[in-house]
Amino acid sequence: MFYVINGEDAPGSLEKRMMARPAHLERIKALQDEGRLILAGPYPAIDNPDPGPAGFSGSLIVAEFVSLEAAQSWAEADPYVTSGVYSKVTVKPFRKVLPD
């Protein structure tokens, strides 16, 4: 089943985000290599694809996991969680309808 992982950035966490980014992307690329990733990306804090020093307000990942518990465990081990980038992470089941 698919799950949505929604991370909300802690205020002032841009420097931590940049430091943890390579390890974070490595984990997401592993999901992609396994054919389990639907999409992933950050939420710019301002209406600009490159928000510069404004940074980001969080991130979204939609991927396949065997269970909600597996998705939660994966999310909890993410470098953005362990390094304090995210102040809150929500994991929910997701049913993909479109595109086919």
PDB file of N, CA and C in Angstrom:
ATOM      1  N   MET A   1       0.851  -1.177   0.000  1.00  0.00           N
ATOM      2  CA  MET A   1       0.000   0.000   0.000  1.00  0.00           C
ATOM      3  C   MET A   1       0.890   1.232   0.000  1.00  0.00           C
ATOM      4  N   PHE A   2       0.321   2.339  -0.500  1.00  0.00           N
ATOM      5  CA  PHE A   2       1.049   3.600  -0.501  1.00  0.00           C
ATOM      6  C   PHE A   2       0.785   4.360   0.791  1.00  0.00           C
ATOM      7  N   TYR A   3       1.788   5.177   1.178  1.00  0.00           N
ATOM      8  CA  TYR A   3       1.686   6.011   2.369  1.00  0.00           C
ATOM      9  C   TYR A   3       2.241   7.391   2.062  1.00  0.00           C
ATOM     10  N   VAL A   4       1.606   8.401   2.649  1.00  0.00           N
ATOM     11  CA  VAL A   4       2.076   9.776   2.567  1.00  0.00           C
ATOM     12  C   VAL A   4       2.873  10.057   3.837  1.00  0.00           C
ATOM     13  N   ILE A   5       4.069  10.567   3.647  1.00  0.00           N
ATOM     14  CA  ILE A   5       4.898  11.020   4.761  1.00  0.00           C
ATOM     15  C   ILE A   5       5.025  12.524   4.601  1.00  0.00           C
ATOM     16  N   ASN A   6       4.475  13.257   5.547  1.00  0.00           N
ATOM     17  CA  ASN A   6       4.490  14.719   5.508  1.00  0.00           C
ATOM     18  C   ASN A   6       5.324  15.226   6.675  1.00  0.00           C
ATOM     19  N   GLY A   7       6.447  15.854   6.365  1.00  0.00           N
ATOM     20  CA  GLY A   7       7.314  16.418   7.399  1.00  0.00           C
ATOM     21  C   GLY A   7       7.178  17.923   7.438  1.00  0.00           C
ATOM     22  N   GLU A   8       7.083  18.477   8.640  1.00  0.00           N
ATOM     23  CA  GLU A   8       7.004  19.921   8.828  1.00  0.00           C
ATOM     24  C   GLU A   8       8.318  20.400   9.430  1.00  0.00           C
ATOM     25  N   ASP A   9       8.960  21.353   8.757  1.00  0.00           N
ATOM     26  CA  ASP A   9      10.249  21.854   9.221  1.00  0.00           C
ATOM     27  C   ASP A   9      10.111  22.664  10.503  1.00  0.00           C
ATOM     28  N   ALA A  10      11.106  22.500  11.372  1.00  0.00           N
ATOM     29  CA  ALA A  10      11.211  23.339  12.557  1.00  0.00           C
ATOM     30  C   ALA A  10      11.669  24.727  12.121  1.00  0.00           C
ATOM     31  N   PRO A  11      11.251  25.765  12.823  1.00  0.00           N
ATOM     32  CA  PRO A  11      11.715  27.110  12.480  1.00  0.00           C
ATOM     33  C   PRO A  11      13.246  27.173  12.525  1.00  0.00           C
ATOM     34  N   GLY A  12      13.829  27.856  11.548  1.00  0.00           N
ATOM     35  CA  GLY A  12      15.270  28.054  11.531  1.00  0.00           C
ATOM     36  C   GLY A  12      16.097  26.813  11.261  1.00  0.00           C
ATOM     37  N   SER A  13      15.512  25.816  10.585  1.00  0.00           N
ATOM     38  CA  SER A  13      16.214  24.537  10.387  1.00  0.00           C
ATOM     39  C   SER A  13      16.890  24.412   9.021  1.00  0.00           C
ATOM     40  N   LEU A  14      16.987  25.493   8.254  1.00  0.00           N
ATOM     41  CA  LEU A  14      17.543  25.394   6.904  1.00  0.00           C
ATOM     42  C   LEU A  14      18.976  24.865   6.910  1.00  0.00           C
ATOM     43  N   GLU A  15      19.810  25.337   7.815  1.00  0.00           N
ATOM     44  CA  GLU A  15      21.202  24.854   7.864  1.00  0.00           C
ATOM     45  C   GLU A  15      21.244  23.348   8.170  1.00  0.00           C
ATOM     46  N   LYS A  16      20.431  22.896   9.112  1.00  0.00           N
ATOM     47  CA  LYS A  16      20.363  21.463   9.423  1.00  0.00           C
ATOM     48  C   LYS A  16      19.879  20.682   8.207  1.00  0.00           C
ATOM     49  N   ARG A  17      18.901  21.242   7.486  1.00  0.00           N
ATOM     50  CA  ARG A  17      18.353  20.590   6.293  1.00  0.00           C
ATOM     51  C   ARG A  17      19.452  20.396   5.256  1.00  0.00           C
ATOM     52  N   MET A  18      20.228  21.427   5.010  1.00  0.00           N
ATOM     53  CA  MET A  18      21.282  21.333   3.995  1.00  0.00           C
ATOM     54  C   MET A  18      22.346  20.306   4.395  1.00  0.00           C
ATOM     55  N   MET A  19      22.652  20.226   5.674  1.00  0.00           N
ATOM     56  CA  MET A  19      23.647  19.263   6.137  1.00  0.00           C
ATOM     57  C   MET A  19      23.136  17.824   6.039  1.00  0.00           C
ATOM     58  N   ALA A  20      21.862  17.601   6.321  1.00  0.00           N
ATOM     59  CA  ALA A  20      21.290  16.252   6.314  1.00  0.00           C
ATOM     60  C   ALA A  20      20.798  15.823   4.934  1.00  0.00           C
ATOM     61  N   ARG A  21      20.758  16.739   3.987  1.00  0.00           N
ATOM     62  CA  ARG A  21      20.159  16.475   2.681  1.00  0.00           C
ATOM     63  C   ARG A  21      20.776  15.292   1.929  1.00  0.00           C
ATOM     64  N   PRO A  22      22.100  15.163   1.836  1.00  0.00           N
ATOM     65  CA  PRO A  22      22.644  14.009   1.097  1.00  0.00           C
ATOM     66  C   PRO A  22      22.164  12.658   1.649  1.00  0.00           C
ATOM     67  N   ALA A  23      22.156  12.496   2.952  1.00  0.00           N
ATOM     68  CA  ALA A  23      21.704  11.233   3.547  1.00  0.00           C
ATOM     69  C   ALA A  23      20.204  11.035   3.347  1.00  0.00           C
ATOM     70  N   HIS A  24      19.455  12.119   3.441  1.00  0.00           N
ATOM     71  CA  HIS A  24      18.005  12.074   3.218  1.00  0.00           C
ATOM     72  C   HIS A  24      17.710  11.621   1.781  1.00  0.00           C
ATOM     73  N   LEU A  25      18.392  12.239   0.813  1.00  0.00           N
ATOM     74  CA  LEU A  25      18.176  11.884  -0.595  1.00  0.00           C
ATOM     75  C   LEU A  25      18.611  10.462  -0.901  1.00  0.00           C
ATOM     76  N   GLU A  26      19.649  10.002  -0.246  1.00  0.00           N
ATOM     77  CA  GLU A  26      20.108   8.618  -0.452  1.00  0.00           C
ATOM     78  C   GLU A  26      19.010   7.618  -0.090  1.00  0.00           C
ATOM     79  N   ARG A  27      18.313   7.865   0.995  1.00  0.00           N
ATOM     80  CA  ARG A  27      17.225   6.974   1.405  1.00  0.00           C
ATOM     81  C   ARG A  27      16.061   7.025   0.421  1.00  0.00           C
ATOM     82  N   ILE A  28      15.757   8.229  -0.077  1.00  0.00           N
ATOM     83  CA  ILE A  28      14.662   8.366  -1.033  1.00  0.00           C
ATOM     84  C   ILE A  28      15.030   7.712  -2.360  1.00  0.00           C
ATOM     85  N   LYS A  29      16.284   7.864  -2.782  1.00  0.00           N
ATOM     86  CA  LYS A  29      16.739   7.221  -4.019  1.00  0.00           C
ATOM     87  C   LYS A  29      16.676   5.701  -3.896  1.00  0.00           C
ATOM     88  N   ALA A  30      16.894   5.169  -2.704  1.00  0.00           N
ATOM     89  CA  ALA A  30      16.766   3.726  -2.493  1.00  0.00           C
ATOM     90  C   ALA A  30      15.316   3.291  -2.735  1.00  0.00           C
ATOM     91  N   LEU A  31      14.358   4.071  -2.252  1.00  0.00           N
ATOM     92  CA  LEU A  31      12.945   3.771  -2.525  1.00  0.00           C
ATOM     93  C   LEU A  31      12.685   3.806  -4.027  1.00  0.00           C
ATOM     94  N   GLN A  32      13.252   4.794  -4.709  1.00  0.00           N
ATOM     95  CA  GLN A  32      13.078   4.906  -6.150  1.00  0.00           C
ATOM     96  C   GLN A  32      13.687   3.698  -6.864  1.00  0.00           C
ATOM     97  N   ASP A  33      14.893   3.322  -6.479  1.00  0.00           N
ATOM     98  CA  ASP A  33      15.560   2.178  -7.100  1.00  0.00           C
ATOM     99  C   ASP A  33      14.780   0.882  -6.905  1.00  0.00           C
ATOM    100  N   GLU A  34      14.046   0.796  -5.798  1.00  0.00           N
ATOM    101  CA  GLU A  34      13.220  -0.377  -5.507  1.00  0.00           C
ATOM    102  C   GLU A  34      11.850  -0.299  -6.178  1.00  0.00           C
ATOM    103  N   GLY A  35      11.557   0.787  -6.892  1.00  0.00           N
ATOM    104  CA  GLY A  35      10.274   0.956  -7.565  1.00  0.00           C
ATOM    105  C   GLY A  35       9.130   1.283  -6.620  1.00  0.00           C
ATOM    106  N   ARG A  36       9.448   1.822  -5.433  1.00  0.00           N
ATOM    107  CA  ARG A  36       8.423   2.085  -4.421  1.00  0.00           C
ATOM    108  C   ARG A  36       8.061   3.557  -4.274  1.00  0.00           C
ATOM    109  N   LEU A  37       8.794   4.441  -4.935  1.00  0.00           N
ATOM    110  CA  LEU A  37       8.568   5.877  -4.782  1.00  0.00           C
ATOM    111  C   LEU A  37       7.597   6.392  -5.836  1.00  0.00           C
ATOM    112  N   ILE A  38       6.576   7.121  -5.395  1.00  0.00           N
ATOM    113  CA  ILE A  38       5.643   7.777  -6.308  1.00  0.00           C
ATOM    114  C   ILE A  38       6.122   9.204  -6.565  1.00  0.00           C
ATOM    115  N   LEU A  39       6.400   9.955  -5.500  1.00  0.00           N
ATOM    116  CA  LEU A  39       6.932  11.308  -5.629  1.00  0.00           C
ATOM    117  C   LEU A  39       7.512  11.756  -4.301  1.00  0.00           C
ATOM    118  N   ALA A  40       8.382  12.757  -4.384  1.00  0.00           N
ATOM    119  CA  ALA A  40       8.983  13.323  -3.176  1.00  0.00           C
ATOM    120  C   ALA A  40       9.484  14.721  -3.494  1.00  0.00           C
ATOM    121  N   GLY A  41       9.402  15.595  -2.523  1.00  0.00           N
ATOM    122  CA  GLY A  41       9.943  16.930  -2.700  1.00  0.00           C
ATOM    123  C   GLY A  41       9.597  17.838  -1.540  1.00  0.00           C
ATOM    124  N   PRO A  42      10.286  18.991  -1.497  1.00  0.00           N
ATOM    125  CA  PRO A  42      10.074  19.944  -0.406  1.00  0.00           C
ATOM    126  C   PRO A  42       8.994  20.970  -0.733  1.00  0.00           C
ATOM    127  N   TYR A  43       8.506  21.624   0.319  1.00  0.00           N
ATOM    128  CA  TYR A  43       7.593  22.748   0.197  1.00  0.00           C
ATOM    129  C   TYR A  43       8.420  24.037   0.359  1.00  0.00           C
ATOM    130  N   PRO A  44       8.636  24.813  -0.702  1.00  0.00           N
ATOM    131  CA  PRO A  44       9.331  26.092  -0.520  1.00  0.00           C
ATOM    132  C   PRO A  44       8.541  26.995   0.432  1.00  0.00           C
ATOM    133  N   ALA A  45       9.254  27.718   1.274  1.00  0.00           N
ATOM    134  CA  ALA A  45       8.600  28.598   2.248  1.00  0.00           C
ATOM    135  C   ALA A  45       7.982  29.826   1.593  1.00  0.00           C
ATOM    136  N   ILE A  46       8.425  30.137   0.371  1.00  0.00           N
ATOM    137  CA  ILE A  46       7.852  31.247  -0.384  1.00  0.00           C
ATOM    138  C   ILE A  46       7.471  30.728  -1.766  1.00  0.00           C
ATOM    139  N   ASP A  47       6.729  31.506  -2.503  1.00  0.00           N
ATOM    140  CA  ASP A  47       6.247  31.093  -3.818  1.00  0.00           C
ATOM    141  C   ASP A  47       7.358  31.237  -4.861  1.00  0.00           C
ATOM    142  N   ASN A  48       8.340  30.325  -4.760  1.00  0.00           N
ATOM    143  CA  ASN A  48       9.492  30.341  -5.650  1.00  0.00           C
ATOM    144  C   ASN A  48      10.132  28.957  -5.594  1.00  0.00           C
ATOM    145  N   PRO A  49      10.453  28.362  -6.739  1.00  0.00           N
ATOM    146  CA  PRO A  49      11.062  27.037  -6.695  1.00  0.00           C
ATOM    147  C   PRO A  49      12.423  27.021  -5.998  1.00  0.00           C
ATOM    148  N   ASP A  50      13.115  28.169  -5.965  1.00  0.00           N
ATOM    149  CA  ASP A  50      14.374  28.292  -5.232  1.00  0.00           C
ATOM    150  C   ASP A  50      14.179  29.377  -4.175  1.00  0.00           C
ATOM    151  N   PRO A  51      13.755  29.001  -2.975  1.00  0.00           N
ATOM    152  CA  PRO A  51      13.406  30.002  -1.975  1.00  0.00           C
ATOM    153  C   PRO A  51      14.593  30.686  -1.304  1.00  0.00           C
ATOM    154  N   GLY A  52      15.810  30.261  -1.641  1.00  0.00           N
ATOM    155  CA  GLY A  52      16.992  30.879  -1.050  1.00  0.00           C
ATOM    156  C   GLY A  52      16.966  30.813   0.465  1.00  0.00           C
ATOM    157  N   PRO A  53      17.320  31.914   1.134  1.00  0.00           N
ATOM    158  CA  PRO A  53      17.391  31.886   2.600  1.00  0.00           C
ATOM    159  C   PRO A  53      16.035  31.733   3.292  1.00  0.00           C
ATOM    160  N   ALA A  54      14.923  31.886   2.545  1.00  0.00           N
ATOM    161  CA  ALA A  54      13.602  31.652   3.148  1.00  0.00           C
ATOM    162  C   ALA A  54      13.434  30.183   3.502  1.00  0.00           C
ATOM    163  N   GLY A  55      14.136  29.319   2.762  1.00  0.00           N
ATOM    164  CA  GLY A  55      14.121  27.899   3.072  1.00  0.00           C
ATOM    165  C   GLY A  55      12.836  27.192   2.699  1.00  0.00           C
ATOM    166  N   PHE A  56      12.522  26.195   3.489  1.00  0.00           N
ATOM    167  CA  PHE A  56      11.400  25.312   3.210  1.00  0.00           C
ATOM    168  C   PHE A  56      10.534  25.165   4.451  1.00  0.00           C
ATOM    169  N   SER A  57       9.279  24.811   4.225  1.00  0.00           N
ATOM    170  CA  SER A  57       8.368  24.613   5.363  1.00  0.00           C
ATOM    171  C   SER A  57       8.132  23.142   5.666  1.00  0.00           C
ATOM    172  N   GLY A  58       8.658  22.260   4.810  1.00  0.00           N
ATOM    173  CA  GLY A  58       8.492  20.826   5.031  1.00  0.00           C
ATOM    174  C   GLY A  58       8.703  20.059   3.749  1.00  0.00           C
ATOM    175  N   SER A  59       8.305  18.792   3.770  1.00  0.00           N
ATOM    176  CA  SER A  59       8.482  17.910   2.613  1.00  0.00           C
ATOM    177  C   SER A  59       7.361  16.892   2.544  1.00  0.00           C
ATOM    178  N   LEU A  60       7.177  16.360   1.340  1.00  0.00           N
ATOM    179  CA  LEU A  60       6.179  15.322   1.087  1.00  0.00           C
ATOM    180  C   LEU A  60       6.856  14.141   0.409  1.00  0.00           C
ATOM    181  N   ILE A  61       6.548  12.954   0.885  1.00  0.00           N
ATOM    182  CA  ILE A  61       7.003  11.711   0.250  1.00  0.00           C
ATOM    183  C   ILE A  61       5.778  10.815   0.123  1.00  0.00           C
ATOM    184  N   VAL A  62       5.579  10.247  -1.056  1.00  0.00           N
ATOM    185  CA  VAL A  62       4.542   9.236  -1.258  1.00  0.00           C
ATOM    186  C   VAL A  62       5.259   8.004  -1.771  1.00  0.00           C
ATOM    187  N   ALA A  63       5.164   6.921  -1.007  1.00  0.00           N
ATOM    188  CA  ALA A  63       5.895   5.703  -1.352  1.00  0.00           C
ATOM    189  C   ALA A  63       5.138   4.471  -0.865  1.00  0.00           C
ATOM    190  N   GLU A  64       5.558   3.334  -1.384  1.00  0.00           N
ATOM    191  CA  GLU A  64       4.941   2.059  -1.025  1.00  0.00           C
ATOM    192  C   GLU A  64       5.699   1.405   0.122  1.00  0.00           C
ATOM    193  N   PHE A  65       4.942   0.931   1.112  1.00  0.00           N
ATOM    194  CA  PHE A  65       5.490   0.191   2.242  1.00  0.00           C
ATOM    195  C   PHE A  65       4.563  -0.990   2.518  1.00  0.00           C
ATOM    196  N   VAL A  66       5.055  -1.976   3.240  1.00  0.00           N
ATOM    197  CA  VAL A  66       4.247  -3.166   3.520  1.00  0.00           C
ATOM    198  C   VAL A  66       3.159  -2.896   4.555  1.00  0.00           C
ATOM    199  N   SER A  67       3.350  -1.843   5.374  1.00  0.00           N
ATOM    200  CA  SER A  67       2.359  -1.538   6.408  1.00  0.00           C
ATOM    201  C   SER A  67       2.556  -0.110   6.892  1.00  0.00           C
ATOM    202  N   LEU A  68       1.566   0.382   7.611  1.00  0.00           N
ATOM    203  CA  LEU A  68       1.663   1.703   8.222  1.00  0.00           C
ATOM    204  C   LEU A  68       2.837   1.739   9.196  1.00  0.00           C
ATOM    205  N   GLU A  69       3.007   0.675   9.940  1.00  0.00           N
ATOM    206  CA  GLU A  69       4.103   0.614  10.902  1.00  0.00           C
ATOM    207  C   GLU A  69       5.459   0.697  10.199  1.00  0.00           C
ATOM    208  N   ALA A  70       5.589   0.027   9.059  1.00  0.00           N
ATOM    209  CA  ALA A  70       6.843   0.077   8.298  1.00  0.00           C
ATOM    210  C   ALA A  70       7.099   1.490   7.775  1.00  0.00           C
ATOM    211  N   ALA A  71       6.061   2.153   7.304  1.00  0.00           N
ATOM    212  CA  ALA A  71       6.202   3.532   6.819  1.00  0.00           C
ATOM    213  C   ALA A  71       6.587   4.467   7.960  1.00  0.00           C
ATOM    214  N   GLN A  72       5.972   4.281   9.119  1.00  0.00           N
ATOM    215  CA  GLN A  72       6.298   5.115  10.280  1.00  0.00           C
ATOM    216  C   GLN A  72       7.735   4.891  10.735  1.00  0.00           C
ATOM    217  N   SER A  73       8.161   3.641  10.759  1.00  0.00           N
ATOM    218  CA  SER A  73       9.543   3.329  11.154  1.00  0.00           C
ATOM    219  C   SER A  73      10.533   3.947  10.183  1.00  0.00           C
ATOM    220  N   TRP A  74      10.230   3.852   8.883  1.00  0.00           N
ATOM    221  CA  TRP A  74      11.103   4.435   7.874  1.00  0.00           C
ATOM    222  C   TRP A  74      11.198   5.944   8.092  1.00  0.00           C
ATOM    223  N   ALA A  75      10.053   6.579   8.310  1.00  0.00           N
ATOM    224  CA  ALA A  75      10.022   8.030   8.502  1.00  0.00           C
ATOM    225  C   ALA A  75      10.790   8.443   9.762  1.00  0.00           C
ATOM    226  N   GLU A  76      10.620   7.709  10.831  1.00  0.00           N
ATOM    227  CA  GLU A  76      11.285   8.046  12.088  1.00  0.00           C
ATOM    228  C   GLU A  76      12.808   7.951  11.988  1.00  0.00           C
ATOM    229  N   ALA A  77      13.310   7.116  11.074  1.00  0.00           N
ATOM    230  CA  ALA A  77      14.756   6.949  10.907  1.00  0.00           C
ATOM    231  C   ALA A  77      15.354   7.929   9.901  1.00  0.00           C
ATOM    232  N   ASP A  78      14.525   8.777   9.298  1.00  0.00           N
ATOM    233  CA  ASP A  78      15.015   9.696   8.279  1.00  0.00           C
ATOM    234  C   ASP A  78      15.966  10.724   8.887  1.00  0.00           C
ATOM    235  N   PRO A  79      17.041  11.065   8.178  1.00  0.00           N
ATOM    236  CA  PRO A  79      17.983  12.064   8.691  1.00  0.00           C
ATOM    237  C   PRO A  79      17.353  13.424   8.998  1.00  0.00           C
ATOM    238  N   TYR A  80      16.294  13.785   8.312  1.00  0.00           N
ATOM    239  CA  TYR A  80      15.631  15.045   8.630  1.00  0.00           C
ATOM    240  C   TYR A  80      14.934  14.977   9.987  1.00  0.00           C
ATOM    241  N   VAL A  81      14.546  13.792  10.411  1.00  0.00           N
ATOM    242  CA  VAL A  81      13.956  13.613  11.738  1.00  0.00           C
ATOM    243  C   VAL A  81      15.067  13.570  12.778  1.00  0.00           C
ATOM    244  N   THR A  82      16.062  12.724  12.550  1.00  0.00           N
ATOM    245  CA  THR A  82      17.106  12.516  13.550  1.00  0.00           C
ATOM    246  C   THR A  82      18.004  13.734  13.748  1.00  0.00           C
ATOM    247  N   SER A  83      18.069  14.622  12.739  1.00  0.00           N
ATOM    248  CA  SER A  83      18.910  15.825  12.885  1.00  0.00           C
ATOM    249  C   SER A  83      18.112  17.059  13.314  1.00  0.00           C
ATOM    250  N   GLY A  84      16.807  16.907  13.495  1.00  0.00           N
ATOM    251  CA  GLY A  84      15.998  18.018  13.993  1.00  0.00           C
ATOM    252  C   GLY A  84      15.469  18.967  12.934  1.00  0.00           C
ATOM    253  N   VAL A  85      15.511  18.580  11.658  1.00  0.00           N
ATOM    254  CA  VAL A  85      14.927  19.417  10.609  1.00  0.00           C
ATOM    255  C   VAL A  85      13.420  19.449  10.764  1.00  0.00           C
ATOM    256  N   TYR A  86      12.814  18.282  10.910  1.00  0.00           N
ATOM    257  CA  TYR A  86      11.361  18.198  11.053  1.00  0.00           C
ATOM    258  C   TYR A  86      10.965  18.356  12.519  1.00  0.00           C
ATOM    259  N   SER A  87       9.962  19.184  12.750  1.00  0.00           N
ATOM    260  CA  SER A  87       9.393  19.304  14.092  1.00  0.00           C
ATOM    261  C   SER A  87       8.216  18.354  14.262  1.00  0.00           C
ATOM    262  N   LYS A  88       7.641  17.923  13.119  1.00  0.00           N
ATOM    263  CA  LYS A  88       6.475  17.028  13.159  1.00  0.00           C
ATOM    264  C   LYS A  88       6.457  16.206  11.881  1.00  0.00           C
ATOM    265  N   VAL A  89       6.126  14.926  12.011  1.00  0.00           N
ATOM    266  CA  VAL A  89       5.980  14.041  10.855  1.00  0.00           C
ATOM    267  C   VAL A  89       4.657  13.307  10.985  1.00  0.00           C
ATOM    268  N   THR A  90       3.890  13.330   9.897  1.00  0.00           N
ATOM    269  CA  THR A  90       2.618  12.620   9.845  1.00  0.00           C
ATOM    270  C   THR A  90       2.712  11.566   8.751  1.00  0.00           C
ATOM    271  N   VAL A  91       2.278  10.345   9.067  1.00  0.00           N
ATOM    272  CA  VAL A  91       2.267   9.252   8.091  1.00  0.00           C
ATOM    273  C   VAL A  91       0.836   8.751   7.985  1.00  0.00           C
ATOM    274  N   LYS A  92       0.324   8.716   6.738  1.00  0.00           N
ATOM    275  CA  LYS A  92      -1.059   8.279   6.516  1.00  0.00           C
ATOM    276  C   LYS A  92      -1.124   7.338   5.323  1.00  0.00           C
ATOM    277  N   PRO A  93      -2.045   6.372   5.369  1.00  0.00           N
ATOM    278  CA  PRO A  93      -2.282   5.543   4.186  1.00  0.00           C
ATOM    279  C   PRO A  93      -2.777   6.426   3.041  1.00  0.00           C
ATOM    280  N   PHE A  94      -2.441   6.017   1.818  1.00  0.00           N
ATOM    281  CA  PHE A  94      -2.807   6.786   0.638  1.00  0.00           C
ATOM    282  C   PHE A  94      -3.270   5.839  -0.449  1.00  0.00           C
ATOM    283  N   ARG A  95      -4.392   6.156  -1.061  1.00  0.00           N
ATOM    284  CA  ARG A  95      -4.907   5.369  -2.160  1.00  0.00           C
ATOM    285  C   ARG A  95      -4.762   6.160  -3.457  1.00  0.00           C
ATOM    286  N   LYS A  96      -3.866   5.743  -4.311  1.00  0.00           N
ATOM    287  CA  LYS A  96      -3.623   6.435  -5.572  1.00  0.00           C
ATOM    288  C   LYS A  96      -4.737   6.084  -6.551  1.00  0.00           C
ATOM    289  N   VAL A  97      -5.349   7.123  -7.132  1.00  0.00           N
ATOM    290  CA  VAL A  97      -6.415   6.952  -8.104  1.00  0.00           C
ATOM    291  C   VAL A  97      -5.935   7.379  -9.491  1.00  0.00           C
ATOM    292  N   LEU A  98      -5.342   8.568  -9.579  1.00  0.00           N
ATOM    293  CA  LEU A  98      -4.872   9.098 -10.852  1.00  0.00           C
ATOM    294  C   LEU A  98      -3.459   9.656 -10.686  1.00  0.00           C
ATOM    295  N   PRO A  99      -2.673   9.670 -11.704  1.00  0.00           N
ATOM    296  CA  PRO A  99      -2.922   9.016 -12.995  1.00  0.00           C
ATOM    297  C   PRO A  99      -2.841   7.503 -12.863  1.00  0.00           C
ATOM    298  N   ASP A 100      -3.435   6.841 -13.856  1.00  0.00           N
ATOM    299  CA  ASP A 100      -3.450   5.363 -13.863  1.00  0.00           C
ATOM    300  C   ASP A 100      -2.057   4.822 -13.931  1.00  0.00           C
TER     301      ASP A 100
END
